C-alpha atoms as a PDB file:
ATOM      1  CA  UNK A   1     -24.794  26.960 107.732  1.00  0.00           C
ATOM      2  CA  UNK A   2     -24.999  25.917 111.426  1.00  0.00           C
ATOM      3  CA  UNK A   3     -21.846  25.068 113.514  1.00  0.00           C
ATOM      4  CA  UNK A   4     -21.260  20.963 112.274  1.00  0.00           C
ATOM      5  CA  UNK A   5     -22.106  21.268 108.638  1.00  0.00           C
ATOM      6  CA  UNK A   6     -18.935  24.129 108.513  1.00  0.00           C
ATOM      7  CA  UNK A   7     -16.633  22.034 111.041  1.00  0.00           C
ATOM      8  CA  UNK A   8     -17.301  18.753 108.161  1.00  0.00           C
ATOM      9  CA  UNK A   9     -16.330  22.058 105.944  1.00  0.00           C
ATOM     10  CA  UNK A  10     -13.491  22.699 106.989  1.00  0.00           C
ATOM     11  CA  UNK A  11     -12.298  19.361 108.513  1.00  0.00           C
ATOM     12  CA  UNK A  12     -12.898  18.045 104.041  1.00  0.00           C
ATOM     13  CA  UNK A  13     -11.408  20.498 103.321  1.00  0.00           C
ATOM     14  CA  UNK A  14      -8.571  21.550 105.250  1.00  0.00           C
ATOM     15  CA  UNK A  15      -8.070  18.542 107.442  1.00  0.00           C
ATOM     16  CA  UNK A  16      -4.644  16.951 106.372  1.00  0.00           C
ATOM     17  CA  UNK A  17      -3.007  20.235 106.290  1.00  0.00           C
ATOM     18  CA  UNK A  18      -3.808  20.967 109.531  1.00  0.00           C
ATOM     19  CA  UNK A  19      -3.085  17.618 110.632  1.00  0.00           C
ATOM     20  CA  UNK A  20       0.578  17.797 108.594  1.00  0.00           C
ATOM     21  CA  UNK A  21       0.877  21.780 110.543  1.00  0.00           C
ATOM     22  CA  UNK A  22      -0.781  20.314 113.570  1.00  0.00           C
ATOM     23  CA  UNK A  23      -2.406  22.271 116.703  1.00  0.00           C
ATOM     24  CA  UNK A  24       0.991  24.418 117.225  1.00  0.00           C
ATOM     25  CA  UNK A  25       0.838  25.538 113.744  1.00  0.00           C
ATOM     26  CA  UNK A  26      -2.945  26.099 113.168  1.00  0.00           C
ATOM     27  CA  UNK A  27      -2.926  28.006 116.557  1.00  0.00           C
ATOM     28  CA  UNK A  28       0.006  30.422 115.163  1.00  0.00           C
ATOM     29  CA  UNK A  29      -2.200  30.827 111.883  1.00  0.00           C
ATOM     30  CA  UNK A  30      -5.593  31.838 114.629  1.00  0.00           C
ATOM     31  CA  UNK A  31      -3.033  34.490 116.086  1.00  0.00           C
ATOM     32  CA  UNK A  32      -1.990  36.553 112.884  1.00  0.00           C
ATOM     33  CA  UNK A  33      -5.292  35.945 111.930  1.00  0.00           C
ATOM     34  CA  UNK A  34      -6.633  37.987 115.102  1.00  0.00           C
ATOM     35  CA  UNK A  35      -3.566  40.575 114.260  1.00  0.00           C
ATOM     36  CA  UNK A  36      -5.279  41.050 110.916  1.00  0.00           C
ATOM     37  CA  UNK A  37      -8.865  41.410 112.513  1.00  0.00           C
ATOM     38  CA  UNK A  38      -7.000  44.120 114.717  1.00  0.00           C
ATOM     39  CA  UNK A  39      -6.063  45.495 111.833  1.00  0.00           C
ATOM     40  CA  UNK A  40      -9.596  46.162 110.699  1.00  0.00           C
ATOM     41  CA  UNK A  41     -11.374  47.424 112.832  1.00  0.00           C
ATOM     42  CA  UNK A  42      -9.085  50.092 114.180  1.00  0.00           C
ATOM     43  CA  UNK A  43      -9.532  51.148 110.386  1.00  0.00           C
ATOM     44  CA  UNK A  44     -13.036  50.887 110.275  1.00  0.00           C
ATOM     45  CA  UNK A  45     -13.125  48.919 107.208  1.00  0.00           C
ATOM     46  CA  UNK A  46     -16.292  46.551 106.874  1.00  0.00           C
ATOM     47  CA  UNK A  47     -15.254  45.015 104.377  1.00  0.00           C
ATOM     48  CA  UNK A  48     -11.944  43.854 105.505  1.00  0.00           C
ATOM     49  CA  UNK A  49     -13.566  42.977 108.552  1.00  0.00           C
ATOM     50  CA  UNK A  50     -15.845  40.421 107.215  1.00  0.00           C
ATOM     51  CA  UNK A  51     -12.830  38.550 105.778  1.00  0.00           C
ATOM     52  CA  UNK A  52     -11.185  38.589 108.846  1.00  0.00           C
ATOM     53  CA  UNK A  53     -14.127  37.150 111.334  1.00  0.00           C
ATOM     54  CA  UNK A  54     -14.722  34.312 109.055  1.00  0.00           C
ATOM     55  CA  UNK A  55     -11.368  34.145 109.012  1.00  0.00           C
ATOM     56  CA  UNK A  56     -10.893  33.931 112.967  1.00  0.00           C
ATOM     57  CA  UNK A  57     -13.605  31.684 112.697  1.00  0.00           C
ATOM     58  CA  UNK A  58     -12.382  29.322 110.179  1.00  0.00           C
ATOM     59  CA  UNK A  59      -9.018  28.734 111.837  1.00  0.00           C
ATOM     60  CA  UNK A  60     -10.994  28.605 115.123  1.00  0.00           C
ATOM     61  CA  UNK A  61     -13.082  25.946 113.848  1.00  0.00           C
ATOM     62  CA  UNK A  62      -9.758  24.194 112.181  1.00  0.00           C
ATOM     63  CA  UNK A  63      -8.647  23.946 115.832  1.00  0.00           C
ATOM     64  CA  UNK A  64     -11.619  22.459 117.388  1.00  0.00           C
ATOM     65  CA  UNK A  65     -11.209  19.635 114.752  1.00  0.00           C
ATOM     66  CA  UNK A  66      -8.148  19.026 115.302  1.00  0.00           C
ATOM     67  CA  UNK A  67      -8.946  19.130 118.967  1.00  0.00           C
ATOM     68  CA  UNK A  68     -11.662  16.681 118.605  1.00  0.00           C
ATOM     69  CA  UNK A  69     -13.891  19.289 120.057  1.00  0.00           C
ATOM     70  CA  UNK A  70     -17.262  19.298 118.954  1.00  0.00           C
ATOM     71  CA  UNK A  71     -18.128  23.582 119.036  1.00  0.00           C
ATOM     72  CA  UNK A  72     -22.004  23.496 119.360  1.00  0.00           C
ATOM     73  CA  UNK A  73     -21.647  21.283 122.416  1.00  0.00           C
ATOM     74  CA  UNK A  74     -18.634  23.550 123.698  1.00  0.00           C
ATOM     75  CA  UNK A  75     -21.056  26.742 122.710  1.00  0.00           C
ATOM     76  CA  UNK A  76     -23.859  25.293 124.650  1.00  0.00           C
ATOM     77  CA  UNK A  77     -23.093  27.173 127.459  1.00  0.00           C
ATOM     78  CA  UNK A  78     -24.038  30.381 126.068  1.00  0.00           C
ATOM     79  CA  UNK A  79     -27.466  29.149 124.976  1.00  0.00           C
ATOM     80  CA  UNK A  80     -28.638  30.028 127.780  1.00  0.00           C
ATOM     81  CA  UNK A  81     -28.074  33.816 128.941  1.00  0.00           C
ATOM     82  CA  UNK A  82     -24.500  34.676 130.623  1.00  0.00           C
ATOM     83  CA  UNK A  83     -22.403  31.593 131.901  1.00  0.00           C
ATOM     84  CA  UNK A  84     -21.318  33.333 135.258  1.00  0.00           C
ATOM     85  CA  UNK A  85     -24.432  34.722 135.912  1.00  0.00           C
ATOM     86  CA  UNK A  86     -26.923  33.428 134.285  1.00  0.00           C
ATOM     87  CA  UNK A  87     -28.733  36.467 133.118  1.00  0.00           C
ATOM     88  CA  UNK A  88     -29.726  37.441 129.508  1.00  0.00           C
ATOM     89  CA  UNK A  89     -28.755  40.447 129.477  1.00  0.00           C
ATOM     90  CA  UNK A  90     -25.701  39.605 131.572  1.00  0.00           C
ATOM     91  CA  UNK A  91     -25.492  41.264 134.893  1.00  0.00           C
ATOM     92  CA  UNK A  92     -21.954  40.798 135.751  1.00  0.00           C
ATOM     93  CA  UNK A  93     -19.796  43.793 137.055  1.00  0.00           C
ATOM     94  CA  UNK A  94     -17.355  45.339 135.018  1.00  0.00           C
ATOM     95  CA  UNK A  95     -14.103  45.203 135.632  1.00  0.00           C
ATOM     96  CA  UNK A  96     -12.036  48.825 135.575  1.00  0.00           C
ATOM     97  CA  UNK A  97     -11.106  47.722 131.925  1.00  0.00           C
ATOM     98  CA  UNK A  98     -14.304  47.424 130.332  1.00  0.00           C
ATOM     99  CA  UNK A  99     -14.318  44.042 130.589  1.00  0.00           C
END
């Protein structure tokens, strides 16, 4: 599924609820899902990890749809390599925290 199709499906399926919940409420749901993703990562459960990753993506798409942001266009900055240094693989120096 491409991003445009995913955005359309998320909007059709959850758009009314997302609008009723608003951006703040929808963002809170994303944060909850990120917490669940963190737990799945700590536990190392691959099936839970796949489920939580899909939830994080879906809630991120919901926020993009609510805010009128097209993700294909927004993510284009990554299509040519690192958006900071322009290289692929990235050549940016890592900071002491591993970023």
